Amino acid sequence: MQDLLGQSSAQMTQRYTHLADAGRKRVVDKIGAVVTAAVRQAAGDEEDKAA
């Protein structure tokens, strides 16, 4: 990771990797919201077919 980021020390890598973690969490949260909406929509479609 240190080489990819172009940093000269492991200490610098540790200092900044938490920023990437926050970005990853935002992406996962957005994906979760999309999946949840799709599942709810599919469940609603199934209820409409049963009625």
N, C-alpha and C. Protein backbone atom coordinates (compact mmCIF):
# COMPACT_ATOMS: atom_id res chain seq x y z
N MET A 1 0.83 -1.18 0.00
CA MET A 1 0.00 0.00 0.00
C MET A 1 0.87 1.25 0.00
N GLN A 2 1.90 1.19 0.77
CA GLN A 2 2.81 2.33 0.87
C GLN A 2 3.37 2.71 -0.50
N ASP A 3 3.77 1.71 -1.29
CA ASP A 3 4.31 1.98 -2.63
C ASP A 3 3.25 2.57 -3.54
N LEU A 4 2.03 2.03 -3.48
CA LEU A 4 0.95 2.53 -4.33
C LEU A 4 0.64 3.99 -4.05
N LEU A 5 0.71 4.36 -2.79
CA LEU A 5 0.41 5.74 -2.40
C LEU A 5 1.60 6.68 -2.58
N GLY A 6 2.76 6.10 -2.87
CA GLY A 6 3.95 6.92 -3.08
C GLY A 6 4.47 7.53 -1.80
N GLN A 7 4.26 6.86 -0.69
CA GLN A 7 4.71 7.40 0.59
C GLN A 7 6.01 6.73 1.00
N SER A 8 6.82 7.49 1.69
CA SER A 8 8.15 6.99 2.02
C SER A 8 8.21 6.22 3.33
N SER A 9 7.17 6.31 4.15
CA SER A 9 7.23 5.60 5.43
C SER A 9 5.89 4.96 5.76
N ALA A 10 5.95 3.89 6.53
CA ALA A 10 4.73 3.22 6.97
C ALA A 10 3.91 4.14 7.87
N GLN A 11 4.58 5.02 8.58
CA GLN A 11 3.88 5.96 9.47
C GLN A 11 2.97 6.89 8.66
N MET A 12 3.44 7.36 7.53
CA MET A 12 2.61 8.23 6.68
C MET A 12 1.43 7.45 6.12
N THR A 13 1.66 6.20 5.73
CA THR A 13 0.56 5.38 5.21
C THR A 13 -0.51 5.20 6.28
N GLN A 14 -0.10 4.90 7.50
CA GLN A 14 -1.05 4.72 8.59
C GLN A 14 -1.81 6.01 8.87
N ARG A 15 -1.16 7.12 8.72
CA ARG A 15 -1.79 8.41 9.00
C ARG A 15 -2.95 8.69 8.05
N TYR A 16 -2.84 8.26 6.80
CA TYR A 16 -3.83 8.63 5.80
C TYR A 16 -4.78 7.50 5.37
N THR A 17 -4.53 6.27 5.76
CA THR A 17 -5.41 5.19 5.30
C THR A 17 -6.82 5.30 5.86
N HIS A 18 -7.00 5.93 7.01
CA HIS A 18 -8.36 6.07 7.56
C HIS A 18 -9.25 6.90 6.63
N LEU A 19 -8.66 7.76 5.82
CA LEU A 19 -9.45 8.56 4.88
C LEU A 19 -10.07 7.66 3.82
N ALA A 20 -9.33 6.65 3.39
CA ALA A 20 -9.86 5.70 2.41
C ALA A 20 -10.98 4.87 3.04
N ASP A 21 -10.85 4.56 4.32
CA ASP A 21 -11.89 3.79 5.01
C ASP A 21 -13.22 4.54 5.00
N ALA A 22 -13.20 5.82 5.23
CA ALA A 22 -14.43 6.62 5.23
C ALA A 22 -15.08 6.62 3.85
N GLY A 23 -14.29 6.72 2.82
CA GLY A 23 -14.82 6.68 1.46
C GLY A 23 -15.44 5.34 1.13
N ARG A 24 -14.78 4.27 1.56
CA ARG A 24 -15.31 2.93 1.34
C ARG A 24 -16.64 2.75 2.06
N LYS A 25 -16.74 3.27 3.27
CA LYS A 25 -17.99 3.15 4.02
C LYS A 25 -19.12 3.87 3.30
N ARG A 26 -18.86 5.04 2.75
CA ARG A 26 -19.90 5.77 2.01
C ARG A 26 -20.38 4.97 0.81
N VAL A 27 -19.45 4.35 0.10
CA VAL A 27 -19.81 3.56 -1.08
C VAL A 27 -20.65 2.35 -0.66
N VAL A 28 -20.23 1.65 0.38
CA VAL A 28 -20.97 0.48 0.86
C VAL A 28 -22.36 0.89 1.32
N ASP A 29 -22.48 2.02 2.01
CA ASP A 29 -23.79 2.50 2.45
C ASP A 29 -24.71 2.79 1.26
N LYS A 30 -24.17 3.39 0.21
CA LYS A 30 -24.97 3.68 -0.98
C LYS A 30 -25.41 2.40 -1.67
N ILE A 31 -24.50 1.44 -1.79
CA ILE A 31 -24.86 0.17 -2.40
C ILE A 31 -25.94 -0.52 -1.57
N GLY A 32 -25.80 -0.49 -0.27
CA GLY A 32 -26.80 -1.09 0.61
C GLY A 32 -28.17 -0.47 0.41
N ALA A 33 -28.22 0.85 0.26
CA ALA A 33 -29.50 1.53 0.05
C ALA A 33 -30.12 1.12 -1.28
N VAL A 34 -29.32 0.97 -2.32
CA VAL A 34 -29.84 0.56 -3.62
C VAL A 34 -30.36 -0.88 -3.55
N VAL A 35 -29.63 -1.76 -2.91
CA VAL A 35 -30.05 -3.15 -2.80
C VAL A 35 -31.33 -3.24 -1.97
N THR A 36 -31.40 -2.52 -0.87
CA THR A 36 -32.60 -2.53 -0.04
C THR A 36 -33.81 -2.05 -0.82
N ALA A 37 -33.67 -0.98 -1.58
CA ALA A 37 -34.77 -0.47 -2.39
C ALA A 37 -35.20 -1.49 -3.43
N ALA A 38 -34.26 -2.17 -4.05
CA ALA A 38 -34.58 -3.18 -5.07
C ALA A 38 -35.32 -4.36 -4.45
N VAL A 39 -34.90 -4.78 -3.28
CA VAL A 39 -35.55 -5.91 -2.60
C VAL A 39 -36.97 -5.52 -2.22
N ARG A 40 -37.13 -4.32 -1.69
CA ARG A 40 -38.48 -3.87 -1.31
C ARG A 40 -39.38 -3.77 -2.53
N GLN A 41 -38.86 -3.27 -3.62
CA GLN A 41 -39.65 -3.16 -4.84
C GLN A 41 -40.04 -4.55 -5.34
N ALA A 42 -39.09 -5.47 -5.33
CA ALA A 42 -39.38 -6.83 -5.78
C ALA A 42 -40.43 -7.48 -4.88
N ALA A 43 -40.35 -7.24 -3.59
CA ALA A 43 -41.34 -7.80 -2.67
C ALA A 43 -42.71 -7.21 -2.95
N GLY A 44 -42.76 -5.92 -3.25
CA GLY A 44 -44.03 -5.28 -3.60
C GLY A 44 -44.60 -5.83 -4.89
N ASP A 45 -43.75 -6.09 -5.85
CA ASP A 45 -44.19 -6.67 -7.13
C ASP A 45 -44.78 -8.06 -6.91
N GLU A 46 -44.18 -8.83 -6.02
CA GLU A 46 -44.68 -10.18 -5.73
C GLU A 46 -46.05 -10.10 -5.04
N GLU A 47 -46.22 -9.12 -4.16
CA GLU A 47 -47.52 -8.95 -3.48
C GLU A 47 -48.59 -8.56 -4.48
N ASP A 48 -48.22 -7.72 -5.46
CA ASP A 48 -49.19 -7.31 -6.49
C ASP A 48 -49.64 -8.52 -7.33
N LYS A 49 -48.71 -9.42 -7.63
CA LYS A 49 -49.04 -10.60 -8.43
C LYS A 49 -49.96 -11.55 -7.65
N ALA A 50 -49.76 -11.62 -6.34
CA ALA A 50 -50.55 -12.53 -5.51
C ALA A 50 -51.97 -12.01 -5.31
N ALA A 51 -52.16 -10.72 -5.44
CA ALA A 51 -53.48 -10.13 -5.18
C ALA A 51 -54.44 -10.25 -6.33
